[in-house]
């Protein structure tokens, strides 16, 4: 089972986990955590450059999981293995 943690750092505070992405045995993606972070990840679409289309976690969970990290990464937010 694959699990990723969405981590955030605000100002000088230590980083904290605000949401967790879990891939189920059937390949489905489940997101748990703070409501705004769950909403943010759950509705996030990633750009599949090879086919020039935007993909949601429901349309193609495997591709979404592969690309989501690079789409949400900022100096203050990132995904890492949980």
N, C-alpha and C. Protein backbone atom coordinates (compact mmCIF):
# COMPACT_ATOMS: atom_id res chain seq x y z
N UNK A 1 0.85 -1.18 0.00
CA UNK A 1 0.00 0.00 0.00
C UNK A 1 0.89 1.24 0.00
N UNK A 2 0.57 2.20 -0.83
CA UNK A 2 1.31 3.45 -0.92
C UNK A 2 0.62 4.51 -0.08
N UNK A 3 1.43 5.25 0.69
CA UNK A 3 0.90 6.37 1.48
C UNK A 3 1.84 7.56 1.33
N UNK A 4 1.23 8.71 1.11
CA UNK A 4 1.98 9.96 1.03
C UNK A 4 1.41 10.94 2.03
N UNK A 5 2.27 11.77 2.58
CA UNK A 5 1.84 12.80 3.52
C UNK A 5 2.03 14.17 2.88
N UNK A 6 0.99 14.98 2.90
CA UNK A 6 1.10 16.37 2.47
C UNK A 6 1.60 17.15 3.68
N UNK A 7 2.79 17.71 3.57
CA UNK A 7 3.41 18.42 4.67
C UNK A 7 3.43 19.92 4.36
N UNK A 8 3.25 20.73 5.40
CA UNK A 8 3.30 22.18 5.27
C UNK A 8 4.16 22.77 6.37
N UNK A 9 4.80 23.87 6.03
CA UNK A 9 5.59 24.60 7.02
C UNK A 9 5.12 26.05 6.94
N UNK A 10 4.69 26.59 8.07
CA UNK A 10 4.27 27.99 8.15
C UNK A 10 5.31 28.77 8.95
N UNK A 11 5.84 29.79 8.32
CA UNK A 11 6.83 30.67 8.94
C UNK A 11 7.98 29.84 9.50
N UNK A 12 8.31 30.04 10.75
CA UNK A 12 9.42 29.32 11.38
C UNK A 12 8.98 28.08 12.15
N UNK A 13 7.71 27.75 12.05
CA UNK A 13 7.21 26.56 12.75
C UNK A 13 7.72 25.30 12.09
N UNK A 14 7.80 24.21 12.86
CA UNK A 14 8.23 22.94 12.24
C UNK A 14 7.16 22.43 11.27
N UNK A 15 7.58 21.68 10.24
CA UNK A 15 6.61 21.12 9.28
C UNK A 15 5.60 20.21 9.98
N UNK A 16 4.40 20.16 9.42
CA UNK A 16 3.37 19.27 9.96
C UNK A 16 2.61 18.62 8.81
N UNK A 17 2.06 17.45 9.09
CA UNK A 17 1.25 16.74 8.10
C UNK A 17 -0.17 17.28 8.16
N UNK A 18 -0.69 17.70 7.02
CA UNK A 18 -2.05 18.24 6.97
C UNK A 18 -3.02 17.31 6.25
N UNK A 19 -2.49 16.34 5.49
CA UNK A 19 -3.34 15.36 4.81
C UNK A 19 -2.50 14.13 4.46
N UNK A 20 -3.19 13.01 4.30
CA UNK A 20 -2.54 11.76 3.92
C UNK A 20 -3.26 11.17 2.71
N UNK A 21 -2.49 10.79 1.71
CA UNK A 21 -3.02 10.15 0.50
C UNK A 21 -2.69 8.66 0.61
N UNK A 22 -3.71 7.82 0.51
CA UNK A 22 -3.53 6.38 0.60
C UNK A 22 -4.09 5.73 -0.66
N UNK A 23 -3.30 4.82 -1.23
CA UNK A 23 -3.76 4.07 -2.39
C UNK A 23 -4.25 2.72 -1.90
N UNK A 24 -5.51 2.44 -2.18
CA UNK A 24 -6.11 1.17 -1.75
C UNK A 24 -5.65 0.01 -2.61
N UNK A 25 -5.96 -1.18 -2.17
CA UNK A 25 -5.58 -2.39 -2.91
C UNK A 25 -6.21 -2.43 -4.30
N UNK A 26 -7.36 -1.78 -4.45
CA UNK A 26 -8.02 -1.75 -5.75
C UNK A 26 -7.53 -0.60 -6.63
N UNK A 27 -6.55 0.18 -6.13
CA UNK A 27 -5.99 1.29 -6.90
C UNK A 27 -6.67 2.62 -6.66
N UNK A 28 -7.75 2.61 -5.86
CA UNK A 28 -8.44 3.86 -5.58
C UNK A 28 -7.61 4.71 -4.61
N UNK A 29 -7.87 6.01 -4.63
CA UNK A 29 -7.13 6.94 -3.79
C UNK A 29 -8.06 7.51 -2.74
N UNK A 30 -7.60 7.48 -1.50
CA UNK A 30 -8.34 8.02 -0.38
C UNK A 30 -7.49 9.12 0.25
N UNK A 31 -8.14 10.23 0.59
CA UNK A 31 -7.43 11.36 1.19
C UNK A 31 -8.07 11.69 2.52
N UNK A 32 -7.25 11.74 3.57
CA UNK A 32 -7.72 12.06 4.92
C UNK A 32 -6.89 13.20 5.47
N UNK A 33 -7.48 13.94 6.41
CA UNK A 33 -6.72 15.01 7.06
C UNK A 33 -7.59 16.22 7.31
N UNK A 34 -6.95 17.39 7.36
CA UNK A 34 -7.67 18.64 7.58
C UNK A 34 -8.58 18.91 6.39
N UNK A 35 -9.81 19.36 6.65
CA UNK A 35 -10.79 19.53 5.57
C UNK A 35 -10.30 20.36 4.38
N UNK A 36 -9.63 21.49 4.61
CA UNK A 36 -9.19 22.31 3.48
C UNK A 36 -8.11 21.61 2.66
N UNK A 37 -7.25 20.87 3.33
CA UNK A 37 -6.20 20.14 2.61
C UNK A 37 -6.76 18.95 1.85
N UNK A 38 -7.73 18.27 2.43
CA UNK A 38 -8.41 17.16 1.75
C UNK A 38 -9.12 17.69 0.50
N UNK A 39 -9.80 18.80 0.64
CA UNK A 39 -10.48 19.44 -0.48
C UNK A 39 -9.49 19.85 -1.56
N UNK A 40 -8.39 20.44 -1.14
CA UNK A 40 -7.34 20.89 -2.06
C UNK A 40 -6.82 19.72 -2.90
N UNK A 41 -6.42 18.64 -2.25
CA UNK A 41 -5.89 17.49 -2.97
C UNK A 41 -6.96 16.76 -3.75
N UNK A 42 -8.13 16.61 -3.16
CA UNK A 42 -9.21 15.84 -3.79
C UNK A 42 -9.69 16.43 -5.10
N UNK A 43 -9.64 17.75 -5.22
CA UNK A 43 -10.12 18.39 -6.44
C UNK A 43 -8.99 18.81 -7.37
N UNK A 44 -7.76 18.48 -7.01
CA UNK A 44 -6.60 18.89 -7.79
C UNK A 44 -6.46 18.03 -9.04
N UNK A 45 -6.27 18.66 -10.17
CA UNK A 45 -6.05 17.95 -11.43
C UNK A 45 -4.60 18.17 -11.82
N UNK A 46 -3.98 17.15 -12.39
CA UNK A 46 -2.58 17.22 -12.81
C UNK A 46 -2.50 17.24 -14.33
N UNK A 47 -1.45 17.86 -14.85
CA UNK A 47 -1.27 17.94 -16.30
C UNK A 47 -0.44 16.76 -16.78
N UNK A 48 -1.05 15.95 -17.64
CA UNK A 48 -0.34 14.87 -18.30
C UNK A 48 0.22 15.46 -19.59
N UNK A 49 1.49 15.83 -19.57
CA UNK A 49 2.10 16.51 -20.72
C UNK A 49 2.15 15.63 -21.96
N UNK A 50 2.26 14.32 -21.77
CA UNK A 50 2.35 13.42 -22.93
C UNK A 50 1.09 13.45 -23.79
N UNK A 51 -0.06 13.68 -23.16
CA UNK A 51 -1.30 13.75 -23.94
C UNK A 51 -1.95 15.12 -23.88
N UNK A 52 -1.24 16.08 -23.22
CA UNK A 52 -1.72 17.46 -23.10
C UNK A 52 -3.16 17.52 -22.58
N UNK A 53 -3.38 16.84 -21.45
CA UNK A 53 -4.71 16.88 -20.83
C UNK A 53 -4.58 16.90 -19.32
N UNK A 54 -5.60 17.42 -18.68
CA UNK A 54 -5.64 17.47 -17.22
C UNK A 54 -6.36 16.24 -16.71
N UNK A 55 -5.85 15.64 -15.64
CA UNK A 55 -6.36 14.37 -15.13
C UNK A 55 -6.66 14.50 -13.63
N UNK A 56 -7.80 13.99 -13.21
CA UNK A 56 -8.16 13.97 -11.78
C UNK A 56 -7.78 12.62 -11.19
N UNK A 57 -7.84 12.54 -9.87
CA UNK A 57 -7.52 11.28 -9.18
C UNK A 57 -8.55 10.20 -9.51
N UNK A 58 -9.75 10.59 -9.85
CA UNK A 58 -10.79 9.62 -10.19
C UNK A 58 -10.66 9.10 -11.62
N UNK A 59 -10.18 9.94 -12.53
CA UNK A 59 -10.04 9.55 -13.93
C UNK A 59 -8.89 8.57 -14.14
N UNK A 60 -7.74 8.85 -13.48
CA UNK A 60 -6.57 8.00 -13.67
C UNK A 60 -5.73 8.06 -12.38
N UNK A 61 -6.11 7.28 -11.37
CA UNK A 61 -5.44 7.35 -10.07
C UNK A 61 -3.93 7.12 -10.13
N UNK A 62 -3.48 6.20 -10.95
CA UNK A 62 -2.05 5.90 -11.03
C UNK A 62 -1.26 7.09 -11.58
N UNK A 63 -1.74 7.68 -12.64
CA UNK A 63 -1.07 8.84 -13.23
C UNK A 63 -1.15 10.04 -12.29
N UNK A 64 -2.30 10.25 -11.68
CA UNK A 64 -2.47 11.36 -10.73
C UNK A 64 -1.45 11.24 -9.60
N UNK A 65 -1.32 10.04 -9.07
CA UNK A 65 -0.38 9.81 -7.97
C UNK A 65 1.06 10.07 -8.42
N UNK A 66 1.38 9.67 -9.63
CA UNK A 66 2.73 9.87 -10.16
C UNK A 66 3.07 11.35 -10.31
N UNK A 67 2.08 12.17 -10.71
CA UNK A 67 2.35 13.57 -11.03
C UNK A 67 2.00 14.58 -9.94
N UNK A 68 1.20 14.20 -8.97
CA UNK A 68 0.69 15.17 -7.99
C UNK A 68 1.82 15.86 -7.21
N UNK A 69 2.87 15.14 -6.89
CA UNK A 69 3.95 15.73 -6.09
C UNK A 69 4.57 16.95 -6.73
N UNK A 70 4.82 16.90 -8.02
CA UNK A 70 5.43 18.04 -8.70
C UNK A 70 4.45 19.20 -8.87
N UNK A 71 3.16 18.91 -8.85
CA UNK A 71 2.16 19.96 -9.02
C UNK A 71 1.89 20.75 -7.75
N UNK A 72 2.00 20.11 -6.60
CA UNK A 72 1.68 20.81 -5.34
C UNK A 72 2.92 21.35 -4.63
N UNK A 73 4.10 20.99 -5.10
CA UNK A 73 5.34 21.37 -4.41
C UNK A 73 5.57 22.88 -4.48
N UNK A 74 5.78 23.45 -3.31
CA UNK A 74 6.20 24.84 -3.14
C UNK A 74 7.26 24.82 -2.04
N UNK A 75 7.90 25.95 -1.76
CA UNK A 75 8.86 25.94 -0.64
C UNK A 75 8.19 25.63 0.71
N UNK A 76 6.87 25.77 0.78
CA UNK A 76 6.17 25.59 2.05
C UNK A 76 5.20 24.41 2.07
N UNK A 77 5.09 23.68 0.94
CA UNK A 77 4.18 22.53 0.87
C UNK A 77 4.82 21.47 -0.01
N UNK A 78 4.72 20.21 0.39
CA UNK A 78 5.27 19.11 -0.39
C UNK A 78 4.64 17.79 0.03
N UNK A 79 4.77 16.78 -0.83
CA UNK A 79 4.35 15.42 -0.52
C UNK A 79 5.58 14.58 -0.28
N UNK A 80 5.50 13.70 0.71
CA UNK A 80 6.60 12.78 1.01
C UNK A 80 6.02 11.45 1.43
N UNK A 81 6.77 10.37 1.31
CA UNK A 81 6.28 9.06 1.75
C UNK A 81 5.90 9.10 3.23
N UNK A 82 4.81 8.44 3.55
CA UNK A 82 4.33 8.43 4.95
C UNK A 82 4.59 7.08 5.57
